[in-house]
N, C-alpha and C. Protein backbone atom coordinates (compact mmCIF):
# COMPACT_ATOMS: atom_id res chain seq x y z
N MET A 1 8.00 24.76 0.69
CA MET A 1 7.50 23.42 0.90
C MET A 1 8.66 22.44 0.73
N THR A 2 8.80 21.52 1.66
CA THR A 2 9.87 20.53 1.57
C THR A 2 9.54 19.50 0.49
N CYS A 3 10.57 18.77 0.11
CA CYS A 3 10.39 17.73 -0.92
C CYS A 3 9.34 16.73 -0.47
N ASN A 4 9.41 16.29 0.79
CA ASN A 4 8.43 15.32 1.28
C ASN A 4 7.03 15.90 1.28
N ALA A 5 6.90 17.16 1.68
CA ALA A 5 5.58 17.80 1.69
C ALA A 5 5.06 17.97 0.27
N ALA A 6 5.94 18.31 -0.66
CA ALA A 6 5.53 18.46 -2.06
C ALA A 6 5.10 17.11 -2.64
N ALA A 7 5.84 16.06 -2.31
CA ALA A 7 5.47 14.72 -2.78
C ALA A 7 4.13 14.31 -2.18
N ASP A 8 3.95 14.57 -0.89
CA ASP A 8 2.68 14.24 -0.25
C ASP A 8 1.52 14.99 -0.91
N ALA A 9 1.75 16.26 -1.23
CA ALA A 9 0.71 17.07 -1.86
C ALA A 9 0.37 16.53 -3.25
N PHE A 10 1.38 16.12 -4.01
CA PHE A 10 1.12 15.60 -5.35
C PHE A 10 0.38 14.26 -5.27
N VAL A 11 0.78 13.41 -4.33
CA VAL A 11 0.07 12.14 -4.15
C VAL A 11 -1.37 12.41 -3.72
N ALA A 12 -1.58 13.40 -2.88
CA ALA A 12 -2.94 13.77 -2.48
C ALA A 12 -3.75 14.24 -3.69
N ASP A 13 -3.12 15.00 -4.58
CA ASP A 13 -3.80 15.45 -5.80
C ASP A 13 -4.18 14.26 -6.69
N LEU A 14 -3.25 13.33 -6.86
CA LEU A 14 -3.54 12.13 -7.66
C LEU A 14 -4.70 11.34 -7.05
N THR A 15 -4.63 11.16 -5.74
CA THR A 15 -5.68 10.41 -5.04
C THR A 15 -7.02 11.10 -5.20
N ASP A 16 -7.02 12.42 -5.12
CA ASP A 16 -8.26 13.18 -5.29
C ASP A 16 -8.85 12.97 -6.69
N VAL A 17 -8.00 13.02 -7.70
CA VAL A 17 -8.49 12.81 -9.08
C VAL A 17 -9.15 11.43 -9.18
N PHE A 18 -8.48 10.40 -8.67
CA PHE A 18 -9.03 9.05 -8.77
C PHE A 18 -10.28 8.89 -7.91
N ASN A 19 -10.29 9.50 -6.72
CA ASN A 19 -11.48 9.38 -5.86
C ASN A 19 -12.68 10.11 -6.46
N ARG A 20 -12.46 11.25 -7.09
CA ARG A 20 -13.57 12.02 -7.67
C ARG A 20 -14.02 11.49 -9.02
N LEU A 21 -13.07 11.02 -9.83
CA LEU A 21 -13.38 10.69 -11.22
C LEU A 21 -13.10 9.24 -11.62
N GLY A 22 -12.56 8.47 -10.69
CA GLY A 22 -12.20 7.09 -11.01
C GLY A 22 -13.38 6.21 -11.36
N HIS A 23 -14.59 6.63 -11.01
CA HIS A 23 -15.78 5.85 -11.34
C HIS A 23 -16.15 5.94 -12.82
N LEU A 24 -15.59 6.93 -13.52
CA LEU A 24 -15.92 7.12 -14.94
C LEU A 24 -15.52 5.90 -15.76
N ARG A 25 -16.33 5.60 -16.74
CA ARG A 25 -16.04 4.49 -17.65
C ARG A 25 -15.63 5.07 -18.99
N TYR A 26 -14.91 4.27 -19.75
CA TYR A 26 -14.51 4.75 -21.07
C TYR A 26 -14.65 3.65 -22.12
N GLY A 27 -15.72 2.88 -21.97
CA GLY A 27 -16.04 1.89 -22.98
C GLY A 27 -15.38 0.54 -22.82
N GLU A 28 -14.71 0.32 -21.72
CA GLU A 28 -13.98 -0.94 -21.55
C GLU A 28 -14.67 -1.92 -20.60
N GLY A 29 -15.82 -1.56 -20.04
CA GLY A 29 -16.49 -2.44 -19.09
C GLY A 29 -15.92 -2.33 -17.69
N VAL A 30 -14.94 -1.45 -17.51
CA VAL A 30 -14.37 -1.19 -16.19
C VAL A 30 -14.28 0.32 -16.00
N SER A 31 -14.18 0.72 -14.75
CA SER A 31 -14.01 2.14 -14.46
C SER A 31 -12.55 2.54 -14.65
N GLN A 32 -12.31 3.82 -14.67
CA GLN A 32 -10.93 4.31 -14.75
C GLN A 32 -10.11 3.78 -13.57
N MET A 33 -10.71 3.79 -12.37
CA MET A 33 -10.00 3.30 -11.18
C MET A 33 -9.68 1.82 -11.33
N GLN A 34 -10.67 1.01 -11.72
CA GLN A 34 -10.42 -0.43 -11.89
C GLN A 34 -9.31 -0.68 -12.92
N HIS A 35 -9.38 0.05 -14.02
CA HIS A 35 -8.38 -0.14 -15.07
C HIS A 35 -6.98 0.23 -14.58
N ALA A 36 -6.87 1.35 -13.89
CA ALA A 36 -5.56 1.78 -13.37
C ALA A 36 -4.99 0.75 -12.41
N LEU A 37 -5.82 0.29 -11.48
CA LEU A 37 -5.35 -0.66 -10.47
C LEU A 37 -5.00 -2.01 -11.10
N GLN A 38 -5.80 -2.45 -12.05
CA GLN A 38 -5.49 -3.72 -12.72
C GLN A 38 -4.22 -3.63 -13.56
N THR A 39 -4.04 -2.51 -14.24
CA THR A 39 -2.85 -2.34 -15.07
C THR A 39 -1.60 -2.35 -14.20
N ALA A 40 -1.65 -1.63 -13.07
CA ALA A 40 -0.52 -1.63 -12.13
C ALA A 40 -0.31 -3.03 -11.55
N HIS A 41 -1.38 -3.72 -11.25
CA HIS A 41 -1.29 -5.08 -10.72
C HIS A 41 -0.54 -6.00 -11.69
N HIS A 42 -0.86 -5.89 -12.97
CA HIS A 42 -0.18 -6.73 -13.97
C HIS A 42 1.31 -6.36 -14.07
N ALA A 43 1.62 -5.09 -13.92
CA ALA A 43 3.03 -4.68 -13.91
C ALA A 43 3.75 -5.28 -12.71
N LYS A 44 3.10 -5.26 -11.55
CA LYS A 44 3.70 -5.86 -10.35
C LYS A 44 3.90 -7.36 -10.53
N LEU A 45 2.90 -8.03 -11.07
CA LEU A 45 3.01 -9.48 -11.30
C LEU A 45 4.17 -9.82 -12.22
N ASP A 46 4.48 -8.92 -13.12
CA ASP A 46 5.58 -9.10 -14.08
C ASP A 46 6.92 -8.67 -13.50
N ALA A 47 6.93 -8.28 -12.22
CA ALA A 47 8.15 -7.79 -11.56
C ALA A 47 8.75 -6.60 -12.29
N ALA A 48 7.88 -5.73 -12.78
CA ALA A 48 8.33 -4.51 -13.47
C ALA A 48 9.02 -3.59 -12.47
N PRO A 49 9.93 -2.74 -12.96
CA PRO A 49 10.57 -1.77 -12.07
C PRO A 49 9.54 -0.78 -11.51
N PRO A 50 9.86 -0.16 -10.38
CA PRO A 50 8.91 0.77 -9.76
C PRO A 50 8.37 1.85 -10.70
N ALA A 51 9.22 2.43 -11.53
CA ALA A 51 8.75 3.49 -12.44
C ALA A 51 7.71 2.95 -13.40
N MET A 52 7.85 1.71 -13.84
CA MET A 52 6.88 1.12 -14.76
C MET A 52 5.56 0.84 -14.05
N ILE A 53 5.63 0.43 -12.79
CA ILE A 53 4.39 0.21 -12.03
C ILE A 53 3.64 1.53 -11.88
N VAL A 54 4.36 2.60 -11.60
CA VAL A 54 3.73 3.92 -11.51
C VAL A 54 3.15 4.33 -12.86
N ALA A 55 3.89 4.12 -13.93
CA ALA A 55 3.38 4.44 -15.27
C ALA A 55 2.10 3.65 -15.55
N ALA A 56 2.09 2.39 -15.17
CA ALA A 56 0.90 1.55 -15.38
C ALA A 56 -0.29 2.09 -14.59
N LEU A 57 -0.04 2.48 -13.37
CA LEU A 57 -1.11 3.00 -12.51
C LEU A 57 -1.70 4.30 -13.06
N LEU A 58 -0.86 5.16 -13.60
CA LEU A 58 -1.28 6.52 -13.94
C LEU A 58 -1.41 6.79 -15.43
N HIS A 59 -1.19 5.81 -16.28
CA HIS A 59 -1.09 6.06 -17.72
C HIS A 59 -2.32 6.70 -18.34
N ASP A 60 -3.49 6.48 -17.78
CA ASP A 60 -4.72 7.01 -18.37
C ASP A 60 -5.33 8.15 -17.57
N ILE A 61 -4.57 8.76 -16.67
CA ILE A 61 -5.13 9.84 -15.87
C ILE A 61 -5.65 10.98 -16.75
N GLY A 62 -5.09 11.13 -17.92
CA GLY A 62 -5.54 12.16 -18.85
C GLY A 62 -6.99 11.98 -19.27
N HIS A 63 -7.49 10.75 -19.27
CA HIS A 63 -8.91 10.53 -19.57
C HIS A 63 -9.79 11.26 -18.55
N MET A 64 -9.34 11.28 -17.31
CA MET A 64 -10.14 11.92 -16.26
C MET A 64 -9.94 13.43 -16.23
N MET A 65 -8.86 13.91 -16.81
CA MET A 65 -8.54 15.33 -16.76
C MET A 65 -9.06 16.10 -17.97
N GLN A 66 -9.35 15.41 -19.05
CA GLN A 66 -9.82 16.09 -20.26
C GLN A 66 -11.28 16.47 -20.09
N LYS A 67 -11.72 17.41 -20.89
CA LYS A 67 -13.05 17.98 -20.73
C LYS A 67 -14.09 17.43 -21.72
N ALA A 68 -13.70 16.50 -22.57
CA ALA A 68 -14.62 16.03 -23.62
C ALA A 68 -15.68 15.07 -23.10
N GLY A 69 -15.48 14.52 -21.90
CA GLY A 69 -16.48 13.62 -21.33
C GLY A 69 -16.18 12.16 -21.60
N GLU A 70 -16.96 11.31 -20.92
CA GLU A 70 -16.78 9.87 -21.00
C GLU A 70 -16.98 9.32 -22.40
N ASP A 71 -17.84 9.94 -23.17
CA ASP A 71 -18.19 9.40 -24.48
C ASP A 71 -17.46 10.10 -25.62
N ALA A 72 -16.27 10.63 -25.36
CA ALA A 72 -15.52 11.36 -26.38
C ALA A 72 -15.30 10.52 -27.64
N ALA A 73 -14.90 9.26 -27.46
CA ALA A 73 -14.65 8.41 -28.63
C ALA A 73 -15.93 8.19 -29.43
N ASP A 74 -17.05 8.04 -28.74
CA ASP A 74 -18.33 7.87 -29.44
C ASP A 74 -18.67 9.11 -30.26
N LEU A 75 -18.16 10.25 -29.83
CA LEU A 75 -18.40 11.51 -30.54
C LEU A 75 -17.34 11.78 -31.61
N GLY A 76 -16.40 10.82 -31.77
CA GLY A 76 -15.36 10.98 -32.78
C GLY A 76 -14.22 11.89 -32.36
N ILE A 77 -14.01 12.01 -31.04
CA ILE A 77 -12.98 12.91 -30.52
C ILE A 77 -11.81 12.10 -29.98
N ASP A 78 -10.61 12.38 -30.48
CA ASP A 78 -9.39 11.84 -29.88
C ASP A 78 -8.93 12.87 -28.86
N THR A 79 -9.03 12.54 -27.59
CA THR A 79 -8.70 13.50 -26.53
C THR A 79 -7.20 13.65 -26.32
N ARG A 80 -6.41 12.83 -26.98
CA ARG A 80 -4.95 12.83 -26.78
C ARG A 80 -4.62 12.68 -25.29
N HIS A 81 -5.34 11.77 -24.68
CA HIS A 81 -5.19 11.56 -23.23
C HIS A 81 -3.75 11.23 -22.85
N GLU A 82 -3.02 10.56 -23.74
CA GLU A 82 -1.63 10.20 -23.42
C GLU A 82 -0.76 11.44 -23.26
N GLN A 83 -1.03 12.48 -24.05
CA GLN A 83 -0.29 13.74 -23.93
C GLN A 83 -0.68 14.48 -22.65
N ILE A 84 -1.97 14.49 -22.35
CA ILE A 84 -2.44 15.12 -21.12
C ILE A 84 -1.83 14.41 -19.92
N SER A 85 -1.87 13.08 -19.93
CA SER A 85 -1.32 12.30 -18.83
C SER A 85 0.17 12.58 -18.64
N ALA A 86 0.94 12.46 -19.70
CA ALA A 86 2.40 12.64 -19.61
C ALA A 86 2.75 14.05 -19.17
N GLY A 87 2.05 15.04 -19.71
CA GLY A 87 2.33 16.43 -19.32
C GLY A 87 2.05 16.69 -17.86
N PHE A 88 0.95 16.18 -17.37
CA PHE A 88 0.62 16.36 -15.95
C PHE A 88 1.63 15.63 -15.07
N LEU A 89 1.95 14.40 -15.41
CA LEU A 89 2.85 13.60 -14.59
C LEU A 89 4.28 14.13 -14.60
N ALA A 90 4.67 14.82 -15.67
CA ALA A 90 6.03 15.38 -15.76
C ALA A 90 6.28 16.45 -14.71
N ARG A 91 5.25 16.94 -14.08
CA ARG A 91 5.42 17.91 -12.98
C ARG A 91 6.11 17.27 -11.78
N ALA A 92 6.07 15.93 -11.69
CA ALA A 92 6.60 15.27 -10.50
C ALA A 92 7.43 14.03 -10.78
N PHE A 93 7.26 13.41 -11.92
CA PHE A 93 7.89 12.11 -12.18
C PHE A 93 8.94 12.19 -13.28
N SER A 94 9.84 11.23 -13.25
CA SER A 94 10.93 11.14 -14.22
C SER A 94 10.42 10.66 -15.58
N PRO A 95 11.26 10.80 -16.61
CA PRO A 95 10.90 10.26 -17.93
C PRO A 95 10.67 8.75 -17.93
N GLU A 96 11.22 8.03 -16.97
CA GLU A 96 10.97 6.58 -16.90
C GLU A 96 9.50 6.30 -16.62
N VAL A 97 8.81 7.26 -16.02
CA VAL A 97 7.36 7.17 -15.82
C VAL A 97 6.62 7.82 -16.99
N THR A 98 7.01 9.03 -17.33
CA THR A 98 6.21 9.83 -18.27
C THR A 98 6.33 9.40 -19.73
N GLU A 99 7.49 8.92 -20.13
CA GLU A 99 7.67 8.59 -21.55
C GLU A 99 6.89 7.34 -21.98
N PRO A 100 6.89 6.26 -21.21
CA PRO A 100 6.01 5.15 -21.60
C PRO A 100 4.53 5.57 -21.65
N VAL A 101 4.15 6.45 -20.72
CA VAL A 101 2.78 6.97 -20.72
C VAL A 101 2.52 7.74 -22.02
N ARG A 102 3.44 8.62 -22.36
CA ARG A 102 3.28 9.43 -23.58
C ARG A 102 3.21 8.56 -24.83
N LEU A 103 3.92 7.44 -24.81
CA LEU A 103 4.03 6.59 -26.00
C LEU A 103 3.08 5.39 -26.02
N HIS A 104 2.23 5.22 -25.02
CA HIS A 104 1.44 3.98 -24.98
C HIS A 104 0.41 3.89 -26.10
N VAL A 105 -0.06 5.01 -26.62
CA VAL A 105 -0.96 4.98 -27.78
C VAL A 105 -0.16 4.64 -29.04
N ALA A 106 1.02 5.22 -29.18
CA ALA A 106 1.89 4.88 -30.31
C ALA A 106 2.24 3.40 -30.28
N ALA A 107 2.41 2.84 -29.08
CA ALA A 107 2.71 1.42 -28.96
C ALA A 107 1.56 0.57 -29.48
N LYS A 108 0.34 0.99 -29.22
CA LYS A 108 -0.83 0.27 -29.75
C LYS A 108 -0.82 0.35 -31.28
N ARG A 109 -0.60 1.52 -31.81
CA ARG A 109 -0.57 1.70 -33.27
C ARG A 109 0.55 0.85 -33.90
N TYR A 110 1.70 0.81 -33.24
CA TYR A 110 2.83 0.00 -33.73
C TYR A 110 2.45 -1.48 -33.74
N ARG A 111 1.91 -1.96 -32.63
CA ARG A 111 1.57 -3.38 -32.54
C ARG A 111 0.57 -3.80 -33.61
N VAL A 112 -0.43 -2.97 -33.85
CA VAL A 112 -1.41 -3.28 -34.88
C VAL A 112 -0.74 -3.34 -36.26
N THR A 113 0.25 -2.49 -36.46
CA THR A 113 0.95 -2.43 -37.74
C THR A 113 1.79 -3.68 -37.99
N VAL A 114 2.53 -4.11 -36.98
CA VAL A 114 3.46 -5.23 -37.18
C VAL A 114 2.83 -6.59 -36.90
N ASP A 115 1.69 -6.61 -36.20
CA ASP A 115 1.02 -7.86 -35.86
C ASP A 115 -0.48 -7.68 -36.07
N PRO A 116 -0.96 -7.90 -37.29
CA PRO A 116 -2.38 -7.70 -37.56
C PRO A 116 -3.31 -8.50 -36.63
N ALA A 117 -2.84 -9.63 -36.11
CA ALA A 117 -3.66 -10.41 -35.18
C ALA A 117 -3.88 -9.66 -33.87
N TYR A 118 -3.00 -8.73 -33.56
CA TYR A 118 -3.16 -7.92 -32.34
C TYR A 118 -4.48 -7.15 -32.38
N LEU A 119 -4.85 -6.68 -33.55
CA LEU A 119 -6.11 -5.94 -33.70
C LEU A 119 -7.29 -6.78 -33.23
N GLU A 120 -7.26 -8.07 -33.51
CA GLU A 120 -8.34 -8.97 -33.12
C GLU A 120 -8.41 -9.15 -31.61
N ARG A 121 -7.32 -8.91 -30.91
CA ARG A 121 -7.29 -9.06 -29.46
C ARG A 121 -7.70 -7.79 -28.73
N LEU A 122 -7.78 -6.68 -29.45
CA LEU A 122 -8.17 -5.42 -28.82
C LEU A 122 -9.65 -5.42 -28.47
N SER A 123 -9.97 -4.74 -27.39
CA SER A 123 -11.38 -4.57 -27.02
C SER A 123 -12.05 -3.67 -28.05
N PRO A 124 -13.37 -3.73 -28.15
CA PRO A 124 -14.07 -2.84 -29.09
C PRO A 124 -13.76 -1.35 -28.85
N ALA A 125 -13.64 -0.96 -27.60
CA ALA A 125 -13.32 0.45 -27.31
C ALA A 125 -11.92 0.81 -27.79
N SER A 126 -10.97 -0.12 -27.66
CA SER A 126 -9.61 0.15 -28.14
C SER A 126 -9.56 0.22 -29.66
N VAL A 127 -10.37 -0.60 -30.32
CA VAL A 127 -10.44 -0.54 -31.78
C VAL A 127 -11.02 0.81 -32.21
N GLN A 128 -12.08 1.24 -31.53
CA GLN A 128 -12.69 2.52 -31.85
C GLN A 128 -11.71 3.67 -31.66
N SER A 129 -11.01 3.66 -30.52
CA SER A 129 -10.06 4.75 -30.27
C SER A 129 -8.86 4.68 -31.21
N LEU A 130 -8.46 3.47 -31.61
CA LEU A 130 -7.36 3.32 -32.56
C LEU A 130 -7.62 4.11 -33.84
N ALA A 131 -8.82 4.03 -34.34
CA ALA A 131 -9.16 4.76 -35.57
C ALA A 131 -9.00 6.27 -35.36
N LEU A 132 -9.40 6.75 -34.19
CA LEU A 132 -9.28 8.18 -33.89
C LEU A 132 -7.82 8.60 -33.67
N GLN A 133 -7.00 7.65 -33.23
CA GLN A 133 -5.61 7.95 -32.89
C GLN A 133 -4.66 7.80 -34.09
N GLY A 134 -5.21 7.51 -35.25
CA GLY A 134 -4.37 7.45 -36.45
C GLY A 134 -4.29 6.09 -37.10
N GLY A 135 -4.85 5.06 -36.46
CA GLY A 135 -4.82 3.72 -37.04
C GLY A 135 -3.41 3.16 -37.10
N PRO A 136 -3.21 2.12 -37.91
CA PRO A 136 -1.87 1.55 -38.05
C PRO A 136 -0.86 2.61 -38.50
N MET A 137 0.38 2.40 -38.12
CA MET A 137 1.44 3.35 -38.46
C MET A 137 1.88 3.21 -39.92
N ALA A 138 2.29 4.32 -40.49
CA ALA A 138 2.95 4.31 -41.79
C ALA A 138 4.40 3.84 -41.56
N PRO A 139 5.09 3.35 -42.60
CA PRO A 139 6.46 2.86 -42.42
C PRO A 139 7.39 3.86 -41.72
N GLY A 140 7.31 5.11 -42.06
CA GLY A 140 8.17 6.10 -41.41
C GLY A 140 7.86 6.26 -39.93
N GLU A 141 6.59 6.12 -39.57
CA GLU A 141 6.20 6.20 -38.17
C GLU A 141 6.75 5.01 -37.38
N VAL A 142 6.76 3.84 -38.00
CA VAL A 142 7.32 2.65 -37.36
C VAL A 142 8.79 2.90 -37.04
N ASP A 143 9.53 3.39 -38.01
CA ASP A 143 10.96 3.66 -37.80
C ASP A 143 11.17 4.68 -36.69
N THR A 144 10.39 5.74 -36.71
CA THR A 144 10.51 6.77 -35.68
C THR A 144 10.20 6.20 -34.30
N PHE A 145 9.14 5.41 -34.21
CA PHE A 145 8.78 4.81 -32.93
C PHE A 145 9.90 3.92 -32.42
N LEU A 146 10.42 3.06 -33.27
CA LEU A 146 11.44 2.11 -32.83
C LEU A 146 12.75 2.77 -32.43
N THR A 147 13.03 3.96 -32.93
CA THR A 147 14.26 4.65 -32.53
C THR A 147 14.11 5.40 -31.22
N ASP A 148 12.90 5.50 -30.72
CA ASP A 148 12.70 6.17 -29.43
C ASP A 148 13.27 5.29 -28.33
N PRO A 149 14.11 5.84 -27.45
CA PRO A 149 14.71 5.03 -26.39
C PRO A 149 13.69 4.39 -25.44
N MET A 150 12.48 4.91 -25.41
CA MET A 150 11.46 4.38 -24.50
C MET A 150 10.42 3.52 -25.22
N ALA A 151 10.68 3.17 -26.47
CA ALA A 151 9.70 2.37 -27.23
C ALA A 151 9.43 1.02 -26.56
N GLN A 152 10.48 0.34 -26.11
CA GLN A 152 10.28 -0.97 -25.49
C GLN A 152 9.50 -0.85 -24.19
N ALA A 153 9.77 0.19 -23.42
CA ALA A 153 9.00 0.42 -22.19
C ALA A 153 7.54 0.69 -22.51
N ALA A 154 7.29 1.44 -23.58
CA ALA A 154 5.91 1.73 -23.98
C ALA A 154 5.19 0.45 -24.41
N LEU A 155 5.89 -0.42 -25.11
CA LEU A 155 5.29 -1.69 -25.51
C LEU A 155 4.97 -2.56 -24.30
N ARG A 156 5.85 -2.51 -23.32
CA ARG A 156 5.60 -3.26 -22.09
C ARG A 156 4.37 -2.70 -21.38
N LEU A 157 4.30 -1.38 -21.26
CA LEU A 157 3.14 -0.74 -20.65
C LEU A 157 1.87 -1.12 -21.41
N ARG A 158 1.96 -1.15 -22.72
CA ARG A 158 0.78 -1.48 -23.54
C ARG A 158 0.26 -2.87 -23.20
N SER A 159 1.15 -3.82 -22.95
CA SER A 159 0.69 -5.17 -22.62
C SER A 159 -0.04 -5.18 -21.28
N TYR A 160 0.44 -4.41 -20.32
CA TYR A 160 -0.27 -4.31 -19.04
C TYR A 160 -1.61 -3.61 -19.23
N ASP A 161 -1.62 -2.59 -20.07
CA ASP A 161 -2.83 -1.83 -20.37
C ASP A 161 -3.91 -2.75 -20.91
N GLU A 162 -3.56 -3.58 -21.86
CA GLU A 162 -4.55 -4.50 -22.45
C GLU A 162 -5.03 -5.54 -21.45
N ALA A 163 -4.16 -5.93 -20.52
CA ALA A 163 -4.54 -6.94 -19.53
C ALA A 163 -5.43 -6.37 -18.43
N GLY A 164 -5.46 -5.07 -18.28
CA GLY A 164 -6.16 -4.44 -17.16
C GLY A 164 -7.59 -4.05 -17.45
N LYS A 165 -8.37 -4.97 -17.99
CA LYS A 165 -9.74 -4.63 -18.39
C LYS A 165 -10.75 -5.70 -18.00
N ALA A 166 -10.50 -6.40 -16.90
CA ALA A 166 -11.40 -7.47 -16.45
C ALA A 166 -12.43 -6.90 -15.48
N PRO A 167 -13.71 -6.96 -15.82
CA PRO A 167 -14.73 -6.32 -14.99
C PRO A 167 -14.78 -6.79 -13.53
N ASP A 168 -14.45 -8.04 -13.26
CA ASP A 168 -14.60 -8.56 -11.90
C ASP A 168 -13.28 -8.82 -11.18
N ALA A 169 -12.18 -8.31 -11.69
CA ALA A 169 -10.88 -8.55 -11.05
C ALA A 169 -10.82 -7.85 -9.69
N GLU A 170 -10.20 -8.53 -8.74
CA GLU A 170 -10.01 -7.94 -7.42
C GLU A 170 -8.52 -7.68 -7.23
N VAL A 171 -8.19 -6.42 -7.00
CA VAL A 171 -6.80 -6.01 -6.84
C VAL A 171 -6.70 -5.02 -5.68
N ALA A 172 -5.49 -4.73 -5.27
CA ALA A 172 -5.25 -3.79 -4.17
C ALA A 172 -5.75 -2.40 -4.54
N GLY A 173 -6.10 -1.62 -3.52
CA GLY A 173 -6.63 -0.27 -3.72
C GLY A 173 -5.55 0.76 -4.03
N PHE A 174 -5.99 1.94 -4.42
CA PHE A 174 -5.08 3.01 -4.83
C PHE A 174 -4.11 3.40 -3.71
N GLU A 175 -4.61 3.42 -2.48
CA GLU A 175 -3.77 3.85 -1.35
C GLU A 175 -2.56 2.94 -1.15
N THR A 176 -2.63 1.70 -1.61
CA THR A 176 -1.48 0.80 -1.45
C THR A 176 -0.29 1.24 -2.30
N TYR A 177 -0.52 2.16 -3.23
CA TYR A 177 0.55 2.66 -4.09
C TYR A 177 1.13 3.99 -3.60
N HIS A 178 0.60 4.53 -2.52
CA HIS A 178 1.06 5.84 -2.06
C HIS A 178 2.56 5.88 -1.80
N ASP A 179 3.09 4.89 -1.10
CA ASP A 179 4.53 4.90 -0.80
C ASP A 179 5.37 4.80 -2.08
N LEU A 180 4.94 3.98 -3.00
CA LEU A 180 5.65 3.85 -4.28
C LEU A 180 5.60 5.17 -5.04
N LEU A 181 4.45 5.82 -5.07
CA LEU A 181 4.32 7.11 -5.74
C LEU A 181 5.27 8.13 -5.12
N ARG A 182 5.29 8.21 -3.78
CA ARG A 182 6.18 9.14 -3.09
C ARG A 182 7.64 8.84 -3.42
N ALA A 183 7.99 7.56 -3.42
CA ALA A 183 9.38 7.17 -3.70
C ALA A 183 9.79 7.57 -5.12
N GLU A 184 8.92 7.37 -6.09
CA GLU A 184 9.24 7.73 -7.47
C GLU A 184 9.29 9.24 -7.66
N ILE A 185 8.45 9.96 -6.94
CA ILE A 185 8.53 11.43 -6.97
C ILE A 185 9.86 11.87 -6.39
N GLY A 186 10.25 11.28 -5.27
CA GLY A 186 11.54 11.62 -4.66
C GLY A 186 12.71 11.28 -5.56
N ARG A 187 12.64 10.14 -6.22
CA ARG A 187 13.73 9.73 -7.11
C ARG A 187 13.88 10.69 -8.28
N ALA A 188 12.76 11.22 -8.76
CA ALA A 188 12.81 12.16 -9.89
C ALA A 188 13.45 13.48 -9.48
N GLY A 189 13.27 13.89 -8.23
CA GLY A 189 13.89 15.12 -7.74
C GLY A 189 13.37 16.39 -8.39
N ILE A 190 12.16 16.37 -8.88
CA ILE A 190 11.59 17.54 -9.55
C ILE A 190 10.90 18.46 -8.56
N LEU A 191 10.19 17.89 -7.60
CA LEU A 191 9.46 18.70 -6.61
C LEU A 191 10.36 19.10 -5.45
């Protein structure tokens, strides 16, 4: 399979996941598809680099790939969706995409730790999942997070993530990102 064919196949797989499961909700008042598209839209509005826009679009794909169901948090289950997402995306994308995705939950935990007012701005679903994800960081965790070379990118992704939860927002569809996805897959040179 050529690189272009492999990229096309991976984009088709991503599109299939979103078309089949993007309607699922996860307590935010928006579907997975709406959240992904809004998060990417906010990254574009911020003139984020292409890899960050892709990370924003795909950061929660692990929610759709895990087997615990839509109400996992209500059942007290941390699905570790960020690990599922990053692991799946690493098959085709560079660390500039996968590492902010892997760290976006840690970024939430960090923000709550250093800015207690941030907790008040979180949606009820994010507060619920925060408790399952470990809550605020311990001092050693803060230091470890801040030394990660992708910590700032993860914090940036987190801000787009929080902005992407408006029930009635109108944004471009998933297919408008196909060329960007292919370009980032090609840039990574993995497939």
